[in-house]
């Protein structure tokens, strides 16, 4: 084992030790019915610490998952926050980075068994937060010259790190948009009702699915629906397939209804800041 491997192993061991210590502390703060209560802590101090920890967890998740909070209400949201704190405590000091497991926890929450789309809404909230935290990126204009100097079979697209894709069996875009109006008025209520009606119309379709793109063209993360073609295209590009090879695969894909227009797509991609640079 060389020095670099030894350092990585030592760092990993340190992280695992801290994670174990945090889990032990969480278990002491929130003991289960069958666990032994650790009596080395002052119960009054532990109660204060528990309440502060819960408040911090609830506030952190409310910032990361504001739409979920609006959807399910403060009572159930706080309960879910407590459950997440027990099952998946933070592994670092930045609470903004905690909550990746929240969507899966919501999937298994009995109170939401009749509302399975809430977990997908949570994914939208989470990915928007990740998009907002991603490194700023502007297209490398010089790299576009590769389209004139190289065969497209040799050219690859590096996508920006601020974009994410999501596939759902529910109209999550419409559900999400219908809960973004911070000021209630007759016009916003009408807009929300329109989004809700669009959701119901789409759910009425047999075998419905929706492909979602979350991206950041400037300073704010945006959301839009992807066609089956564009979703398949972005999947291939993300997998590291060259432009030429990806176009061949798209052409031979009988499940896609329409031909993919690369020239049209690259114009949209540049406008929406989807491309970091081209490379060979």
C-alpha atoms as a PDB file:
ATOM      1  CA  UNK A   1       0.000   0.000   0.000  1.00  0.00           C
ATOM      2  CA  UNK A   2       1.509   3.366  -1.068  1.00  0.00           C
ATOM      3  CA  UNK A   3       1.296   6.592   0.923  1.00  0.00           C
ATOM      4  CA  UNK A   4      -1.757   7.887  -0.964  1.00  0.00           C
ATOM      5  CA  UNK A   5      -3.659   4.627  -0.418  1.00  0.00           C
ATOM      6  CA  UNK A   6      -2.702   4.665   3.258  1.00  0.00           C
ATOM      7  CA  UNK A   7      -3.953   8.246   3.645  1.00  0.00           C
ATOM      8  CA  UNK A   8      -7.243   7.405   1.906  1.00  0.00           C
ATOM      9  CA  UNK A   9      -7.691   4.334   4.105  1.00  0.00           C
ATOM     10  CA  UNK A  10      -6.940   6.347   7.247  1.00  0.00           C
ATOM     11  CA  UNK A  11      -9.352   9.127   6.205  1.00  0.00           C
ATOM     12  CA  UNK A  12     -12.095   6.616   5.410  1.00  0.00           C
ATOM     13  CA  UNK A  13     -11.604   4.955   8.790  1.00  0.00           C
ATOM     14  CA  UNK A  14     -11.850   8.354  10.499  1.00  0.00           C
ATOM     15  CA  UNK A  15     -15.093   9.161   8.669  1.00  0.00           C
ATOM     16  CA  UNK A  16     -16.549   5.776   9.626  1.00  0.00           C
ATOM     17  CA  UNK A  17     -15.578   6.331  13.258  1.00  0.00           C
ATOM     18  CA  UNK A  18     -17.245   9.758  13.333  1.00  0.00           C
ATOM     19  CA  UNK A  19     -20.357   8.327  11.690  1.00  0.00           C
ATOM     20  CA  UNK A  20     -20.492   5.567  14.301  1.00  0.00           C
ATOM     21  CA  UNK A  21     -20.080   8.093  17.109  1.00  0.00           C
ATOM     22  CA  UNK A  22     -22.902  10.202  15.691  1.00  0.00           C
ATOM     23  CA  UNK A  23     -25.153   7.162  15.410  1.00  0.00           C
ATOM     24  CA  UNK A  24     -24.379   6.235  19.028  1.00  0.00           C
ATOM     25  CA  UNK A  25     -25.231   9.752  20.146  1.00  0.00           C
ATOM     26  CA  UNK A  26     -28.488   9.756  18.156  1.00  0.00           C
ATOM     27  CA  UNK A  27     -29.407   6.392  19.702  1.00  0.00           C
ATOM     28  CA  UNK A  28     -28.794   7.868  23.163  1.00  0.00           C
ATOM     29  CA  UNK A  29     -30.893  10.941  22.381  1.00  0.00           C
ATOM     30  CA  UNK A  30     -33.740   8.980  20.760  1.00  0.00           C
ATOM     31  CA  UNK A  31     -33.703   5.549  22.441  1.00  0.00           C
ATOM     32  CA  UNK A  32     -36.027   2.940  20.996  1.00  0.00           C
ATOM     33  CA  UNK A  33     -38.530   1.122  23.172  1.00  0.00           C
ATOM     34  CA  UNK A  34     -36.335  -1.986  23.311  1.00  0.00           C
ATOM     35  CA  UNK A  35     -32.976  -0.283  23.876  1.00  0.00           C
ATOM     36  CA  UNK A  36     -31.284   0.302  27.178  1.00  0.00           C
ATOM     37  CA  UNK A  37     -31.209   3.941  28.252  1.00  0.00           C
ATOM     38  CA  UNK A  38     -27.653   5.195  28.724  1.00  0.00           C
ATOM     39  CA  UNK A  39     -27.670   6.784  32.199  1.00  0.00           C
ATOM     40  CA  UNK A  40     -24.340   8.633  31.941  1.00  0.00           C
ATOM     41  CA  UNK A  41     -26.139  11.689  30.518  1.00  0.00           C
ATOM     42  CA  UNK A  42     -28.154  14.215  32.489  1.00  0.00           C
ATOM     43  CA  UNK A  43     -31.819  13.633  31.431  1.00  0.00           C
ATOM     44  CA  UNK A  44     -32.591  17.360  31.572  1.00  0.00           C
ATOM     45  CA  UNK A  45     -29.591  18.255  29.449  1.00  0.00           C
ATOM     46  CA  UNK A  46     -30.432  15.435  27.060  1.00  0.00           C
ATOM     47  CA  UNK A  47     -33.997  16.739  26.688  1.00  0.00           C
ATOM     48  CA  UNK A  48     -32.726  20.226  25.842  1.00  0.00           C
ATOM     49  CA  UNK A  49     -30.239  18.813  23.356  1.00  0.00           C
ATOM     50  CA  UNK A  50     -32.936  16.597  21.812  1.00  0.00           C
ATOM     51  CA  UNK A  51     -35.293  19.533  21.286  1.00  0.00           C
ATOM     52  CA  UNK A  52     -32.539  21.698  19.794  1.00  0.00           C
ATOM     53  CA  UNK A  53     -31.438  18.898  17.496  1.00  0.00           C
ATOM     54  CA  UNK A  54     -34.993  18.283  16.319  1.00  0.00           C
ATOM     55  CA  UNK A  55     -35.563  21.982  15.679  1.00  0.00           C
ATOM     56  CA  UNK A  56     -32.352  22.183  13.647  1.00  0.00           C
ATOM     57  CA  UNK A  57     -33.269  19.075  11.638  1.00  0.00           C
ATOM     58  CA  UNK A  58     -36.771  20.347  10.920  1.00  0.00           C
ATOM     59  CA  UNK A  59     -35.481  23.757   9.847  1.00  0.00           C
ATOM     60  CA  UNK A  60     -32.836  22.216   7.584  1.00  0.00           C
ATOM     61  CA  UNK A  61     -35.329  19.929   5.853  1.00  0.00           C
ATOM     62  CA  UNK A  62     -37.874  22.752   5.535  1.00  0.00           C
ATOM     63  CA  UNK A  63     -35.280  24.712   3.553  1.00  0.00           C
ATOM     64  CA  UNK A  64     -34.356  21.728   1.367  1.00  0.00           C
ATOM     65  CA  UNK A  65     -37.909  20.399   0.906  1.00  0.00           C
ATOM     66  CA  UNK A  66     -40.247  23.415   1.007  1.00  0.00           C
ATOM     67  CA  UNK A  67     -42.810  21.919  -1.372  1.00  0.00           C
ATOM     68  CA  UNK A  68     -43.102  18.754   0.690  1.00  0.00           C
ATOM     69  CA  UNK A  69     -43.713  20.864   3.804  1.00  0.00           C
ATOM     70  CA  UNK A  70     -46.532  22.687   2.008  1.00  0.00           C
ATOM     71  CA  UNK A  71     -48.002  19.408   0.744  1.00  0.00           C
ATOM     72  CA  UNK A  72     -48.091  17.335   3.910  1.00  0.00           C
ATOM     73  CA  UNK A  73     -48.299  19.994   6.612  1.00  0.00           C
ATOM     74  CA  UNK A  74     -46.045  20.888   9.518  1.00  0.00           C
ATOM     75  CA  UNK A  75     -47.152  18.093  11.873  1.00  0.00           C
ATOM     76  CA  UNK A  76     -46.398  15.186   9.540  1.00  0.00           C
ATOM     77  CA  UNK A  77     -43.318  16.951   8.185  1.00  0.00           C
ATOM     78  CA  UNK A  78     -41.838  17.304  11.671  1.00  0.00           C
ATOM     79  CA  UNK A  79     -42.607  13.667  12.404  1.00  0.00           C
ATOM     80  CA  UNK A  80     -40.846  12.611   9.201  1.00  0.00           C
ATOM     81  CA  UNK A  81     -37.894  14.855  10.111  1.00  0.00           C
ATOM     82  CA  UNK A  82     -37.541  13.073  13.442  1.00  0.00           C
ATOM     83  CA  UNK A  83     -37.692   9.664  11.762  1.00  0.00           C
ATOM     84  CA  UNK A  84     -34.992  10.675   9.297  1.00  0.00           C
ATOM     85  CA  UNK A  85     -32.799  12.027  12.081  1.00  0.00           C
ATOM     86  CA  UNK A  86     -32.980   8.664  13.818  1.00  0.00           C
ATOM     87  CA  UNK A  87     -32.539   6.455  10.753  1.00  0.00           C
ATOM     88  CA  UNK A  88     -30.078   8.605   8.755  1.00  0.00           C
ATOM     89  CA  UNK A  89     -28.319  11.134  11.016  1.00  0.00           C
ATOM     90  CA  UNK A  90     -26.035  13.760   9.399  1.00  0.00           C
ATOM     91  CA  UNK A  91     -22.541  12.544   8.529  1.00  0.00           C
ATOM     92  CA  UNK A  92     -21.068  16.052   8.316  1.00  0.00           C
ATOM     93  CA  UNK A  93     -21.452  19.448   9.905  1.00  0.00           C
ATOM     94  CA  UNK A  94     -23.334  21.127   7.049  1.00  0.00           C
ATOM     95  CA  UNK A  95     -27.049  20.528   7.567  1.00  0.00           C
ATOM     96  CA  UNK A  96     -27.751  21.791   4.038  1.00  0.00           C
ATOM     97  CA  UNK A  97     -26.157  18.598   2.702  1.00  0.00           C
ATOM     98  CA  UNK A  98     -28.350  16.332   4.824  1.00  0.00           C
ATOM     99  CA  UNK A  99     -31.571  14.777   3.568  1.00  0.00           C
ATOM    100  CA  UNK A 100     -30.714  12.579   0.580  1.00  0.00           C
ATOM    101  CA  UNK A 101     -32.686   9.726   2.162  1.00  0.00           C
ATOM    102  CA  UNK A 102     -35.775  11.838   2.840  1.00  0.00           C
ATOM    103  CA  UNK A 103     -37.616  10.872  -0.409  1.00  0.00           C
ATOM    104  CA  UNK A 104     -37.165   7.145   0.329  1.00  0.00           C
ATOM    105  CA  UNK A 105     -38.337   7.622   3.894  1.00  0.00           C
ATOM    106  CA  UNK A 106     -41.483   9.336   2.602  1.00  0.00           C
ATOM    107  CA  UNK A 107     -42.063   6.391   0.242  1.00  0.00           C
ATOM    108  CA  UNK A 108     -42.265   4.059   3.233  1.00  0.00           C
ATOM    109  CA  UNK A 109     -44.296   6.374   5.467  1.00  0.00           C
ATOM    110  CA  UNK A 110     -47.673   4.760   6.236  1.00  0.00           C
ATOM    111  CA  UNK A 111     -49.394   8.151   6.463  1.00  0.00           C
ATOM    112  CA  UNK A 112     -48.519   8.815   2.806  1.00  0.00           C
ATOM    113  CA  UNK A 113     -49.491   5.426   1.394  1.00  0.00           C
ATOM    114  CA  UNK A 114     -52.374   7.059  -0.513  1.00  0.00           C
ATOM    115  CA  UNK A 115     -50.108   9.850  -1.793  1.00  0.00           C
ATOM    116  CA  UNK A 116     -47.150   8.085  -3.442  1.00  0.00           C
ATOM    117  CA  UNK A 117     -46.315  11.117  -5.578  1.00  0.00           C
ATOM    118  CA  UNK A 118     -45.056  13.035  -2.520  1.00  0.00           C
ATOM    119  CA  UNK A 119     -41.765  11.112  -2.599  1.00  0.00           C
ATOM    120  CA  UNK A 120     -41.188  12.204  -6.214  1.00  0.00           C
ATOM    121  CA  UNK A 121     -41.984  15.804  -5.273  1.00  0.00           C
ATOM    122  CA  UNK A 122     -39.321  15.432  -2.593  1.00  0.00           C
ATOM    123  CA  UNK A 123     -36.885  14.301  -5.281  1.00  0.00           C
ATOM    124  CA  UNK A 124     -37.650  17.455  -7.268  1.00  0.00           C
ATOM    125  CA  UNK A 125     -37.024  19.618  -4.196  1.00  0.00           C
ATOM    126  CA  UNK A 126     -33.778  17.772  -3.442  1.00  0.00           C
ATOM    127  CA  UNK A 127     -32.426  17.958  -6.996  1.00  0.00           C
ATOM    128  CA  UNK A 128     -33.257  21.662  -7.220  1.00  0.00           C
ATOM    129  CA  UNK A 129     -31.188  22.232  -4.093  1.00  0.00           C
ATOM    130  CA  UNK A 130     -28.316  20.233  -5.604  1.00  0.00           C
ATOM    131  CA  UNK A 131     -28.594  22.258  -8.796  1.00  0.00           C
ATOM    132  CA  UNK A 132     -28.409  25.499  -6.832  1.00  0.00           C
ATOM    133  CA  UNK A 133     -25.299  24.285  -4.984  1.00  0.00           C
ATOM    134  CA  UNK A 134     -23.519  23.047  -8.100  1.00  0.00           C
ATOM    135  CA  UNK A 135     -20.484  24.861  -9.413  1.00  0.00           C
ATOM    136  CA  UNK A 136     -21.214  27.754 -11.778  1.00  0.00           C
ATOM    137  CA  UNK A 137     -20.491  26.814 -15.374  1.00  0.00           C
ATOM    138  CA  UNK A 138     -20.431  28.732 -18.663  1.00  0.00           C
ATOM    139  CA  UNK A 139     -20.049  27.059 -22.052  1.00  0.00           C
ATOM    140  CA  UNK A 140     -16.518  26.917 -23.403  1.00  0.00           C
ATOM    141  CA  UNK A 141     -17.240  28.636 -26.717  1.00  0.00           C
ATOM    142  CA  UNK A 142     -13.897  27.611 -28.225  1.00  0.00           C
ATOM    143  CA  UNK A 143     -14.771  23.930 -27.830  1.00  0.00           C
ATOM    144  CA  UNK A 144     -17.691  24.352 -30.242  1.00  0.00           C
ATOM    145  CA  UNK A 145     -15.126  24.643 -33.036  1.00  0.00           C
ATOM    146  CA  UNK A 146     -14.655  20.893 -32.742  1.00  0.00           C
ATOM    147  CA  UNK A 147     -17.909  20.482 -34.676  1.00  0.00           C
ATOM    148  CA  UNK A 148     -16.163  22.032 -37.692  1.00  0.00           C
ATOM    149  CA  UNK A 149     -12.804  20.274 -37.312  1.00  0.00           C
ATOM    150  CA  UNK A 150     -13.656  16.742 -36.185  1.00  0.00           C
ATOM    151  CA  UNK A 151     -16.011  13.943 -37.105  1.00  0.00           C
ATOM    152  CA  UNK A 152     -18.994  13.777 -34.760  1.00  0.00           C
ATOM    153  CA  UNK A 153     -18.101  10.164 -33.952  1.00  0.00           C
ATOM    154  CA  UNK A 154     -15.023  11.582 -32.199  1.00  0.00           C
ATOM    155  CA  UNK A 155     -16.771  14.383 -30.287  1.00  0.00           C
ATOM    156  CA  UNK A 156     -18.244  14.053 -26.804  1.00  0.00           C
ATOM    157  CA  UNK A 157     -20.443  16.453 -24.832  1.00  0.00           C
ATOM    158  CA  UNK A 158     -19.623  17.303 -21.233  1.00  0.00           C
ATOM    159  CA  UNK A 159     -22.873  18.339 -19.551  1.00  0.00           C
ATOM    160  CA  UNK A 160     -23.030  20.922 -16.777  1.00  0.00           C
ATOM    161  CA  UNK A 161     -23.113  19.545 -13.242  1.00  0.00           C
ATOM    162  CA  UNK A 162     -26.135  21.679 -12.322  1.00  0.00           C
ATOM    163  CA  UNK A 163     -28.618  19.571 -14.293  1.00  0.00           C
ATOM    164  CA  UNK A 164     -30.465  16.456 -13.184  1.00  0.00           C
ATOM    165  CA  UNK A 165     -33.041  14.140 -14.726  1.00  0.00           C
ATOM    166  CA  UNK A 166     -35.950  12.394 -13.057  1.00  0.00           C
ATOM    167  CA  UNK A 167     -38.551   9.921 -14.292  1.00  0.00           C
ATOM    168  CA  UNK A 168     -41.877   9.678 -12.480  1.00  0.00           C
ATOM    169  CA  UNK A 169     -45.203   7.895 -12.878  1.00  0.00           C
ATOM    170  CA  UNK A 170     -46.927  11.096 -11.763  1.00  0.00           C
ATOM    171  CA  UNK A 171     -47.245  14.631 -13.195  1.00  0.00           C
ATOM    172  CA  UNK A 172     -44.748  15.959 -10.651  1.00  0.00           C
ATOM    173  CA  UNK A 173     -44.042  19.162 -12.582  1.00  0.00           C
ATOM    174  CA  UNK A 174     -47.668  20.280 -12.390  1.00  0.00           C
ATOM    175  CA  UNK A 175     -47.973  19.155  -8.756  1.00  0.00           C
ATOM    176  CA  UNK A 176     -44.785  21.009  -7.903  1.00  0.00           C
ATOM    177  CA  UNK A 177     -45.747  24.195  -9.766  1.00  0.00           C
ATOM    178  CA  UNK A 178     -49.161  24.295  -8.094  1.00  0.00           C
ATOM    179  CA  UNK A 179     -47.444  24.729  -4.712  1.00  0.00           C
ATOM    180  CA  UNK A 180     -44.940  27.455  -5.567  1.00  0.00           C
ATOM    181  CA  UNK A 181     -47.158  30.518  -5.189  1.00  0.00           C
ATOM    182  CA  UNK A 182     -45.993  32.297  -2.036  1.00  0.00           C
ATOM    183  CA  UNK A 183     -48.654  35.019  -2.204  1.00  0.00           C
ATOM    184  CA  UNK A 184     -52.259  33.850  -2.475  1.00  0.00           C
ATOM    185  CA  UNK A 185     -54.535  35.911  -4.719  1.00  0.00           C
ATOM    186  CA  UNK A 186     -57.339  35.304  -7.195  1.00  0.00           C
ATOM    187  CA  UNK A 187     -54.827  35.081 -10.070  1.00  0.00           C
ATOM    188  CA  UNK A 188     -52.468  32.689  -8.273  1.00  0.00           C
ATOM    189  CA  UNK A 189     -55.376  30.527  -7.157  1.00  0.00           C
ATOM    190  CA  UNK A 190     -56.576  30.349 -10.764  1.00  0.00           C
ATOM    191  CA  UNK A 191     -53.070  29.399 -11.875  1.00  0.00           C
ATOM    192  CA  UNK A 192     -52.828  26.700  -9.213  1.00  0.00           C
ATOM    193  CA  UNK A 193     -56.185  25.271 -10.255  1.00  0.00           C
ATOM    194  CA  UNK A 194     -54.982  25.150 -13.844  1.00  0.00           C
ATOM    195  CA  UNK A 195     -51.877  23.186 -12.806  1.00  0.00           C
ATOM    196  CA  UNK A 196     -54.008  20.810 -10.741  1.00  0.00           C
ATOM    197  CA  UNK A 197     -56.388  20.262 -13.667  1.00  0.00           C
ATOM    198  CA  UNK A 198     -53.424  19.547 -15.931  1.00  0.00           C
ATOM    199  CA  UNK A 199     -52.228  17.008 -13.367  1.00  0.00           C
ATOM    200  CA  UNK A 200     -55.591  15.265 -13.332  1.00  0.00           C
ATOM    201  CA  UNK A 201     -55.778  15.239 -17.136  1.00  0.00           C
ATOM    202  CA  UNK A 202     -52.356  13.628 -17.367  1.00  0.00           C
ATOM    203  CA  UNK A 203     -53.133  11.066 -14.661  1.00  0.00           C
ATOM    204  CA  UNK A 204     -56.212  10.063 -16.672  1.00  0.00           C
ATOM    205  CA  UNK A 205     -53.898   8.900 -19.451  1.00  0.00           C
ATOM    206  CA  UNK A 206     -53.145   5.202 -19.409  1.00  0.00           C
ATOM    207  CA  UNK A 207     -49.609   4.155 -18.446  1.00  0.00           C
ATOM    208  CA  UNK A 208     -48.573   7.758 -17.757  1.00  0.00           C
ATOM    209  CA  UNK A 209     -44.976   8.745 -17.077  1.00  0.00           C
ATOM    210  CA  UNK A 210     -43.184  12.068 -16.999  1.00  0.00           C
ATOM    211  CA  UNK A 211     -39.527  12.841 -17.683  1.00  0.00           C
ATOM    212  CA  UNK A 212     -38.245  15.858 -15.780  1.00  0.00           C
ATOM    213  CA  UNK A 213     -35.206  18.061 -16.298  1.00  0.00           C
ATOM    214  CA  UNK A 214     -33.902  20.290 -13.534  1.00  0.00           C
ATOM    215  CA  UNK A 215     -31.315  22.758 -14.784  1.00  0.00           C
ATOM    216  CA  UNK A 216     -29.806  26.140 -13.950  1.00  0.00           C
ATOM    217  CA  UNK A 217     -29.487  28.544 -16.872  1.00  0.00           C
ATOM    218  CA  UNK A 218     -28.465  31.479 -14.678  1.00  0.00           C
ATOM    219  CA  UNK A 219     -28.829  31.892 -10.922  1.00  0.00           C
ATOM    220  CA  UNK A 220     -32.021  29.975 -10.252  1.00  0.00           C
ATOM    221  CA  UNK A 221     -32.797  26.301 -10.862  1.00  0.00           C
ATOM    222  CA  UNK A 222     -35.577  25.727 -13.391  1.00  0.00           C
ATOM    223  CA  UNK A 223     -37.764  22.722 -14.164  1.00  0.00           C
ATOM    224  CA  UNK A 224     -39.273  21.523 -17.426  1.00  0.00           C
ATOM    225  CA  UNK A 225     -40.636  18.375 -19.020  1.00  0.00           C
ATOM    226  CA  UNK A 226     -38.437  16.296 -21.302  1.00  0.00           C
ATOM    227  CA  UNK A 227     -39.671  14.466 -24.361  1.00  0.00           C
ATOM    228  CA  UNK A 228     -38.848  10.764 -24.551  1.00  0.00           C
ATOM    229  CA  UNK A 229     -36.330  11.637 -27.275  1.00  0.00           C
ATOM    230  CA  UNK A 230     -34.447  14.231 -25.265  1.00  0.00           C
ATOM    231  CA  UNK A 231     -34.463  12.062 -22.146  1.00  0.00           C
ATOM    232  CA  UNK A 232     -32.940   9.177 -24.125  1.00  0.00           C
ATOM    233  CA  UNK A 233     -30.414  11.544 -25.709  1.00  0.00           C
ATOM    234  CA  UNK A 234     -29.268  13.054 -22.409  1.00  0.00           C
ATOM    235  CA  UNK A 235     -28.988   9.581 -20.916  1.00  0.00           C
ATOM    236  CA  UNK A 236     -26.632   8.504 -23.712  1.00  0.00           C
ATOM    237  CA  UNK A 237     -24.549  11.684 -23.450  1.00  0.00           C
ATOM    238  CA  UNK A 238     -24.310  11.293 -19.667  1.00  0.00           C
ATOM    239  CA  UNK A 239     -23.078   7.730 -20.210  1.00  0.00           C
ATOM    240  CA  UNK A 240     -20.166   9.068 -22.268  1.00  0.00           C
ATOM    241  CA  UNK A 241     -21.386   8.109 -25.740  1.00  0.00           C
ATOM    242  CA  UNK A 242     -20.060  10.256 -28.605  1.00  0.00           C
ATOM    243  CA  UNK A 243     -22.403  12.543 -30.550  1.00  0.00           C
ATOM    244  CA  UNK A 244     -22.241  10.382 -33.692  1.00  0.00           C
ATOM    245  CA  UNK A 245     -22.764   7.101 -31.861  1.00  0.00           C
ATOM    246  CA  UNK A 246     -25.613   8.558 -29.796  1.00  0.00           C
ATOM    247  CA  UNK A 247     -27.360   9.770 -32.953  1.00  0.00           C
ATOM    248  CA  UNK A 248     -27.018   6.296 -34.503  1.00  0.00           C
ATOM    249  CA  UNK A 249     -28.528   4.697 -31.401  1.00  0.00           C
ATOM    250  CA  UNK A 250     -31.385   7.204 -31.395  1.00  0.00           C
ATOM    251  CA  UNK A 251     -32.118   6.561 -35.085  1.00  0.00           C
ATOM    252  CA  UNK A 252     -32.296   2.802 -34.541  1.00  0.00           C
ATOM    253  CA  UNK A 253     -34.446   3.050 -31.399  1.00  0.00           C
ATOM    254  CA  UNK A 254     -37.914   1.889 -32.481  1.00  0.00           C
ATOM    255  CA  UNK A 255     -39.441   2.994 -29.175  1.00  0.00           C
ATOM    256  CA  UNK A 256     -38.901   6.683 -30.033  1.00  0.00           C
ATOM    257  CA  UNK A 257     -41.756   8.205 -32.009  1.00  0.00           C
ATOM    258  CA  UNK A 258     -39.911  11.040 -33.764  1.00  0.00           C
ATOM    259  CA  UNK A 259     -36.471  11.685 -35.172  1.00  0.00           C
ATOM    260  CA  UNK A 260     -34.096  13.570 -32.898  1.00  0.00           C
ATOM    261  CA  UNK A 261     -33.012  16.977 -34.267  1.00  0.00           C
ATOM    262  CA  UNK A 262     -29.481  17.555 -32.971  1.00  0.00           C
ATOM    263  CA  UNK A 263     -29.128  21.014 -34.521  1.00  0.00           C
ATOM    264  CA  UNK A 264     -32.310  22.193 -32.798  1.00  0.00           C
ATOM    265  CA  UNK A 265     -31.334  20.590 -29.510  1.00  0.00           C
ATOM    266  CA  UNK A 266     -27.876  22.151 -29.292  1.00  0.00           C
ATOM    267  CA  UNK A 267     -29.401  25.613 -29.719  1.00  0.00           C
ATOM    268  CA  UNK A 268     -31.762  24.963 -26.792  1.00  0.00           C
ATOM    269  CA  UNK A 269     -28.957  23.372 -24.769  1.00  0.00           C
ATOM    270  CA  UNK A 270     -26.725  26.426 -25.159  1.00  0.00           C
ATOM    271  CA  UNK A 271     -29.572  28.760 -24.211  1.00  0.00           C
ATOM    272  CA  UNK A 272     -30.393  26.722 -21.089  1.00  0.00           C
ATOM    273  CA  UNK A 273     -26.747  26.195 -20.073  1.00  0.00           C
ATOM    274  CA  UNK A 274     -26.873  22.404 -20.415  1.00  0.00           C
ATOM    275  CA  UNK A 275     -23.433  22.055 -22.030  1.00  0.00           C
ATOM    276  CA  UNK A 276     -20.138  22.699 -20.265  1.00  0.00           C
ATOM    277  CA  UNK A 277     -17.893  21.959 -23.263  1.00  0.00           C
ATOM    278  CA  UNK A 278     -17.224  19.619 -26.159  1.00  0.00           C
ATOM    279  CA  UNK A 279     -14.216  17.313 -26.164  1.00  0.00           C
ATOM    280  CA  UNK A 280     -12.526  14.604 -28.223  1.00  0.00           C
END
